[in-house]
């Protein structure tokens, strides 16, 4: 009996695995990206007398990284 399909190659397997991994990473990261965008759109009210500095969580994290 002659084979109707050629034997799969290693190159094809590796390419398929890479595409599947990239698709999985995109699906996993997509919901996280949408929730992060919704948090950014909610801006706090601007101060009445100027001086908009706020000690937020990301600023505190930055200060922790600069300690020697």
PDB file of N, CA and C in Angstrom:
ATOM      1  N   UNK A   1       0.822  -1.193   0.000  1.00  0.00           N
ATOM      2  CA  UNK A   1       0.000   0.000   0.000  1.00  0.00           C
ATOM      3  C   UNK A   1       0.860   1.249   0.000  1.00  0.00           C
ATOM      4  N   UNK A   2       0.675   2.105  -0.949  1.00  0.00           N
ATOM      5  CA  UNK A   2       1.437   3.354  -0.946  1.00  0.00           C
ATOM      6  C   UNK A   2       0.845   4.332   0.081  1.00  0.00           C
ATOM      7  N   UNK A   3       1.726   5.077   0.698  1.00  0.00           N
ATOM      8  CA  UNK A   3       1.272   6.067   1.683  1.00  0.00           C
ATOM      9  C   UNK A   3       0.726   7.287   0.959  1.00  0.00           C
ATOM     10  N   UNK A   4      -0.439   7.742   1.374  1.00  0.00           N
ATOM     11  CA  UNK A   4      -1.043   8.915   0.735  1.00  0.00           C
ATOM     12  C   UNK A   4      -0.547  10.219   1.368  1.00  0.00           C
ATOM     13  N   UNK A   5      -0.082  10.147   2.600  1.00  0.00           N
ATOM     14  CA  UNK A   5       0.409  11.346   3.282  1.00  0.00           C
ATOM     15  C   UNK A   5       1.902  11.213   3.531  1.00  0.00           C
ATOM     16  N   UNK A   6       2.650  12.301   3.333  1.00  0.00           N
ATOM     17  CA  UNK A   6       4.087  12.227   3.631  1.00  0.00           C
ATOM     18  C   UNK A   6       4.316  12.191   5.139  1.00  0.00           C
ATOM     19  N   UNK A   7       5.473  11.684   5.522  1.00  0.00           N
ATOM     20  CA  UNK A   7       5.812  11.640   6.943  1.00  0.00           C
ATOM     21  C   UNK A   7       5.989  13.062   7.462  1.00  0.00           C
ATOM     22  N   UNK A   8       5.509  13.338   8.674  1.00  0.00           N
ATOM     23  CA  UNK A   8       5.702  14.680   9.230  1.00  0.00           C
ATOM     24  C   UNK A   8       7.176  14.935   9.526  1.00  0.00           C
ATOM     25  N   UNK A   9       7.582  16.155   9.301  1.00  0.00           N
ATOM     26  CA  UNK A   9       8.980  16.502   9.540  1.00  0.00           C
ATOM     27  C   UNK A   9       9.128  17.175  10.904  1.00  0.00           C
ATOM     28  N   UNK A  10      10.334  17.193  11.397  1.00  0.00           N
ATOM     29  CA  UNK A  10      10.609  17.870  12.668  1.00  0.00           C
ATOM     30  C   UNK A  10      10.377  19.361  12.542  1.00  0.00           C
ATOM     31  N   UNK A  11      10.746  19.913  11.407  1.00  0.00           N
ATOM     32  CA  UNK A  11      10.595  21.349  11.186  1.00  0.00           C
ATOM     33  C   UNK A  11       9.115  21.751  11.265  1.00  0.00           C
ATOM     34  N   UNK A  12       8.254  20.970  10.678  1.00  0.00           N
ATOM     35  CA  UNK A  12       6.820  21.245  10.725  1.00  0.00           C
ATOM     36  C   UNK A  12       6.277  21.138  12.136  1.00  0.00           C
ATOM     37  N   UNK A  13       6.768  20.146  12.880  1.00  0.00           N
ATOM     38  CA  UNK A  13       6.328  19.989  14.264  1.00  0.00           C
ATOM     39  C   UNK A  13       6.751  21.184  15.115  1.00  0.00           C
ATOM     40  N   UNK A  14       7.991  21.610  14.966  1.00  0.00           N
ATOM     41  CA  UNK A  14       8.501  22.748  15.734  1.00  0.00           C
ATOM     42  C   UNK A  14       7.733  24.017  15.376  1.00  0.00           C
ATOM     43  N   UNK A  15       7.472  24.232  14.099  1.00  0.00           N
ATOM     44  CA  UNK A  15       6.723  25.418  13.676  1.00  0.00           C
ATOM     45  C   UNK A  15       5.310  25.385  14.236  1.00  0.00           C
ATOM     46  N   UNK A  16       4.673  24.228  14.208  1.00  0.00           N
ATOM     47  CA  UNK A  16       3.325  24.104  14.760  1.00  0.00           C
ATOM     48  C   UNK A  16       3.301  24.355  16.258  1.00  0.00           C
ATOM     49  N   UNK A  17       4.296  23.847  16.959  1.00  0.00           N
ATOM     50  CA  UNK A  17       4.373  24.059  18.400  1.00  0.00           C
ATOM     51  C   UNK A  17       4.590  25.537  18.720  1.00  0.00           C
ATOM     52  N   UNK A  18       5.395  26.224  17.916  1.00  0.00           N
ATOM     53  CA  UNK A  18       5.641  27.651  18.145  1.00  0.00           C
ATOM     54  C   UNK A  18       4.374  28.463  17.913  1.00  0.00           C
ATOM     55  N   UNK A  19       3.631  28.134  16.873  1.00  0.00           N
ATOM     56  CA  UNK A  19       2.383  28.852  16.589  1.00  0.00           C
ATOM     57  C   UNK A  19       1.376  28.601  17.698  1.00  0.00           C
ATOM     58  N   UNK A  20       1.270  27.374  18.156  1.00  0.00           N
ATOM     59  CA  UNK A  20       0.331  27.054  19.235  1.00  0.00           C
ATOM     60  C   UNK A  20       0.717  27.780  20.528  1.00  0.00           C
ATOM     61  N   UNK A  21       2.003  27.847  20.822  1.00  0.00           N
ATOM     62  CA  UNK A  21       2.456  28.558  22.025  1.00  0.00           C
ATOM     63  C   UNK A  21       2.180  30.040  21.949  1.00  0.00           C
ATOM     64  N   UNK A  22       2.403  30.639  20.787  1.00  0.00           N
ATOM     65  CA  UNK A  22       2.138  32.070  20.626  1.00  0.00           C
ATOM     66  C   UNK A  22       0.645  32.355  20.733  1.00  0.00           C
ATOM     67  N   UNK A  23      -0.172  31.494  20.171  1.00  0.00           N
ATOM     68  CA  UNK A  23      -1.625  31.689  20.258  1.00  0.00           C
ATOM     69  C   UNK A  23      -2.097  31.560  21.704  1.00  0.00           C
ATOM     70  N   UNK A  24      -1.548  30.615  22.432  1.00  0.00           N
ATOM     71  CA  UNK A  24      -1.913  30.447  23.840  1.00  0.00           C
ATOM     72  C   UNK A  24      -1.505  31.675  24.652  1.00  0.00           C
ATOM     73  N   UNK A  25      -0.326  32.190  24.418  1.00  0.00           N
ATOM     74  CA  UNK A  25       0.133  33.380  25.136  1.00  0.00           C
ATOM     75  C   UNK A  25      -0.748  34.583  24.829  1.00  0.00           C
ATOM     76  N   UNK A  26      -1.172  34.719  23.594  1.00  0.00           N
ATOM     77  CA  UNK A  26      -2.035  35.840  23.219  1.00  0.00           C
ATOM     78  C   UNK A  26      -3.393  35.734  23.892  1.00  0.00           C
ATOM     79  N   UNK A  27      -3.945  34.535  23.958  1.00  0.00           N
ATOM     80  CA  UNK A  27      -5.251  34.344  24.592  1.00  0.00           C
ATOM     81  C   UNK A  27      -5.159  34.611  26.088  1.00  0.00           C
ATOM     82  N   UNK A  28      -4.080  34.201  26.710  1.00  0.00           N
ATOM     83  CA  UNK A  28      -3.917  34.409  28.148  1.00  0.00           C
ATOM     84  C   UNK A  28      -3.712  35.891  28.461  1.00  0.00           C
ATOM     85  N   UNK A  29      -2.953  36.604  27.649  1.00  0.00           N
ATOM     86  CA  UNK A  29      -2.627  38.002  27.921  1.00  0.00           C
ATOM     87  C   UNK A  29      -3.760  38.949  27.548  1.00  0.00           C
ATOM     88  N   UNK A  30      -4.615  38.589  26.640  1.00  0.00           N
ATOM     89  CA  UNK A  30      -5.655  39.487  26.162  1.00  0.00           C
ATOM     90  C   UNK A  30      -6.617  39.942  27.257  1.00  0.00           C
ATOM     91  N   UNK A  31      -7.188  39.058  28.078  1.00  0.00           N
ATOM     92  CA  UNK A  31      -8.086  39.545  29.140  1.00  0.00           C
ATOM     93  C   UNK A  31      -7.380  40.444  30.143  1.00  0.00           C
ATOM     94  N   UNK A  32      -6.114  40.179  30.436  1.00  0.00           N
ATOM     95  CA  UNK A  32      -5.377  41.024  31.367  1.00  0.00           C
ATOM     96  C   UNK A  32      -5.185  42.422  30.805  1.00  0.00           C
ATOM     97  N   UNK A  33      -4.963  42.519  29.525  1.00  0.00           N
ATOM     98  CA  UNK A  33      -4.772  43.807  28.891  1.00  0.00           C
ATOM     99  C   UNK A  33      -6.060  44.619  28.929  1.00  0.00           C
ATOM    100  N   UNK A  34      -7.201  44.013  28.726  1.00  0.00           N
ATOM    101  CA  UNK A  34      -8.464  44.727  28.738  1.00  0.00           C
ATOM    102  C   UNK A  34      -8.782  45.249  30.129  1.00  0.00           C
ATOM    103  N   UNK A  35      -8.515  44.479  31.175  1.00  0.00           N
ATOM    104  CA  UNK A  35      -8.799  44.941  32.522  1.00  0.00           C
ATOM    105  C   UNK A  35      -7.853  46.074  32.918  1.00  0.00           C
ATOM    106  N   UNK A  36      -6.622  46.042  32.439  1.00  0.00           N
ATOM    107  CA  UNK A  36      -5.675  47.108  32.750  1.00  0.00           C
ATOM    108  C   UNK A  36      -6.104  48.412  32.088  1.00  0.00           C
ATOM    109  N   UNK A  37      -6.663  48.341  30.895  1.00  0.00           N
ATOM    110  CA  UNK A  37      -7.120  49.543  30.217  1.00  0.00           C
ATOM    111  C   UNK A  37      -8.284  50.183  30.953  1.00  0.00           C
ATOM    112  N   UNK A  38      -9.186  49.392  31.515  1.00  0.00           N
ATOM    113  CA  UNK A  38     -10.332  49.953  32.224  1.00  0.00           C
ATOM    114  C   UNK A  38      -9.895  50.662  33.498  1.00  0.00           C
ATOM    115  N   UNK A  39      -8.822  50.183  34.147  1.00  0.00           N
ATOM    116  CA  UNK A  39      -8.321  50.840  35.342  1.00  0.00           C
ATOM    117  C   UNK A  39      -7.684  52.190  35.015  1.00  0.00           C
ATOM    118  N   UNK A  40      -7.046  52.287  33.868  1.00  0.00           N
ATOM    119  CA  UNK A  40      -6.368  53.514  33.485  1.00  0.00           C
ATOM    120  C   UNK A  40      -7.368  54.616  33.158  1.00  0.00           C
ATOM    121  N   UNK A  41      -8.515  54.270  32.619  1.00  0.00           N
ATOM    122  CA  UNK A  41      -9.484  55.280  32.200  1.00  0.00           C
ATOM    123  C   UNK A  41     -10.134  55.990  33.378  1.00  0.00           C
ATOM    124  N   UNK A  42     -10.085  55.429  34.573  1.00  0.00           N
ATOM    125  CA  UNK A  42     -10.685  56.061  35.740  1.00  0.00           C
ATOM    126  C   UNK A  42      -9.657  56.980  36.406  1.00  0.00           C
ATOM    127  N   UNK A  43      -9.620  58.218  35.976  1.00  0.00           N
ATOM    128  CA  UNK A  43      -8.661  59.174  36.514  1.00  0.00           C
ATOM    129  C   UNK A  43      -9.227  59.835  37.769  1.00  0.00           C
ATOM    130  N   UNK A  44      -8.380  60.064  38.773  1.00  0.00           N
ATOM    131  CA  UNK A  44      -8.851  60.761  39.973  1.00  0.00           C
ATOM    132  C   UNK A  44      -9.118  62.230  39.648  1.00  0.00           C
ATOM    133  N   UNK A  45      -9.944  62.896  40.445  1.00  0.00           N
ATOM    134  CA  UNK A  45     -10.228  64.307  40.178  1.00  0.00           C
ATOM    135  C   UNK A  45      -8.978  65.166  40.339  1.00  0.00           C
ATOM    136  N   UNK A  46      -8.886  66.210  39.540  1.00  0.00           N
ATOM    137  CA  UNK A  46      -7.737  67.102  39.604  1.00  0.00           C
ATOM    138  C   UNK A  46      -7.834  67.983  40.853  1.00  0.00           C
ATOM    139  N   UNK A  47      -6.684  68.305  41.464  1.00  0.00           N
ATOM    140  CA  UNK A  47      -6.705  69.170  42.649  1.00  0.00           C
ATOM    141  C   UNK A  47      -7.151  70.581  42.286  1.00  0.00           C
ATOM    142  N   UNK A  48      -7.815  71.216  43.226  1.00  0.00           N
ATOM    143  CA  UNK A  48      -8.357  72.556  42.981  1.00  0.00           C
ATOM    144  C   UNK A  48      -7.267  73.628  42.933  1.00  0.00           C
ATOM    145  N   UNK A  49      -6.230  73.477  43.752  1.00  0.00           N
ATOM    146  CA  UNK A  49      -5.208  74.524  43.854  1.00  0.00           C
ATOM    147  C   UNK A  49      -3.892  74.116  43.219  1.00  0.00           C
ATOM    148  N   UNK A  50      -3.903  73.230  42.275  1.00  0.00           N
ATOM    149  CA  UNK A  50      -2.660  72.815  41.634  1.00  0.00           C
ATOM    150  C   UNK A  50      -1.937  71.778  42.459  1.00  0.00           C
ATOM    151  N   UNK A  51      -0.715  71.462  42.068  1.00  0.00           N
ATOM    152  CA  UNK A  51       0.076  70.475  42.811  1.00  0.00           C
ATOM    153  C   UNK A  51      -0.533  69.097  42.711  1.00  0.00           C
ATOM    154  N   UNK A  52      -0.403  68.454  41.586  1.00  0.00           N
ATOM    155  CA  UNK A  52      -1.054  67.175  41.369  1.00  0.00           C
ATOM    156  C   UNK A  52      -0.253  65.964  41.791  1.00  0.00           C
ATOM    157  N   UNK A  53       0.751  66.120  42.647  1.00  0.00           N
ATOM    158  CA  UNK A  53       1.556  64.966  43.065  1.00  0.00           C
ATOM    159  C   UNK A  53       0.747  64.105  44.015  1.00  0.00           C
ATOM    160  N   UNK A  54       0.748  62.791  43.734  1.00  0.00           N
ATOM    161  CA  UNK A  54       0.078  61.842  44.622  1.00  0.00           C
ATOM    162  C   UNK A  54       1.007  60.674  44.874  1.00  0.00           C
ATOM    163  N   UNK A  55       1.082  60.238  46.090  1.00  0.00           N
ATOM    164  CA  UNK A  55       1.910  59.092  46.451  1.00  0.00           C
ATOM    165  C   UNK A  55       1.087  57.828  46.206  1.00  0.00           C
ATOM    166  N   UNK A  56       1.143  57.325  44.978  1.00  0.00           N
ATOM    167  CA  UNK A  56       0.362  56.153  44.613  1.00  0.00           C
ATOM    168  C   UNK A  56       1.196  54.882  44.811  1.00  0.00           C
ATOM    169  N   UNK A  57       0.563  53.747  44.570  1.00  0.00           N
ATOM    170  CA  UNK A  57       1.244  52.461  44.779  1.00  0.00           C
ATOM    171  C   UNK A  57       2.460  52.298  43.875  1.00  0.00           C
ATOM    172  N   UNK A  58       2.346  52.719  42.606  1.00  0.00           N
ATOM    173  CA  UNK A  58       3.496  52.537  41.715  1.00  0.00           C
ATOM    174  C   UNK A  58       4.644  53.474  42.081  1.00  0.00           C
ATOM    175  N   UNK A  59       4.341  54.637  42.653  1.00  0.00           N
ATOM    176  CA  UNK A  59       5.401  55.535  43.112  1.00  0.00           C
ATOM    177  C   UNK A  59       6.086  54.934  44.342  1.00  0.00           C
ATOM    178  N   UNK A  60       5.310  54.354  45.249  1.00  0.00           N
ATOM    179  CA  UNK A  60       5.899  53.692  46.413  1.00  0.00           C
ATOM    180  C   UNK A  60       6.804  52.539  45.993  1.00  0.00           C
ATOM    181  N   UNK A  61       6.364  51.779  44.988  1.00  0.00           N
ATOM    182  CA  UNK A  61       7.182  50.669  44.493  1.00  0.00           C
ATOM    183  C   UNK A  61       8.488  51.188  43.903  1.00  0.00           C
ATOM    184  N   UNK A  62       8.438  52.297  43.182  1.00  0.00           N
ATOM    185  CA  UNK A  62       9.662  52.884  42.626  1.00  0.00           C
ATOM    186  C   UNK A  62      10.616  53.297  43.745  1.00  0.00           C
ATOM    187  N   UNK A  63      10.087  53.943  44.777  1.00  0.00           N
ATOM    188  CA  UNK A  63      10.948  54.354  45.876  1.00  0.00           C
ATOM    189  C   UNK A  63      11.596  53.155  46.554  1.00  0.00           C
ATOM    190  N   UNK A  64      10.879  52.037  46.641  1.00  0.00           N
ATOM    191  CA  UNK A  64      11.463  50.832  47.240  1.00  0.00           C
ATOM    192  C   UNK A  64      12.634  50.317  46.395  1.00  0.00           C
ATOM    193  N   UNK A  65      12.540  50.454  45.091  1.00  0.00           N
ATOM    194  CA  UNK A  65      13.613  49.955  44.233  1.00  0.00           C
ATOM    195  C   UNK A  65      14.858  50.838  44.275  1.00  0.00           C
ATOM    196  N   UNK A  66      14.727  52.088  44.735  1.00  0.00           N
ATOM    197  CA  UNK A  66      15.881  52.992  44.745  1.00  0.00           C
ATOM    198  C   UNK A  66      16.648  52.944  46.070  1.00  0.00           C
ATOM    199  N   UNK A  67      16.136  52.219  47.046  1.00  0.00           N
ATOM    200  CA  UNK A  67      16.850  52.137  48.324  1.00  0.00           C
ATOM    201  C   UNK A  67      18.152  51.364  48.144  1.00  0.00           C
ATOM    202  N   UNK A  68      19.176  51.811  48.805  1.00  0.00           N
ATOM    203  CA  UNK A  68      20.479  51.176  48.688  1.00  0.00           C
ATOM    204  C   UNK A  68      20.696  50.229  49.850  1.00  0.00           C
TER     205      UNK A  68
END
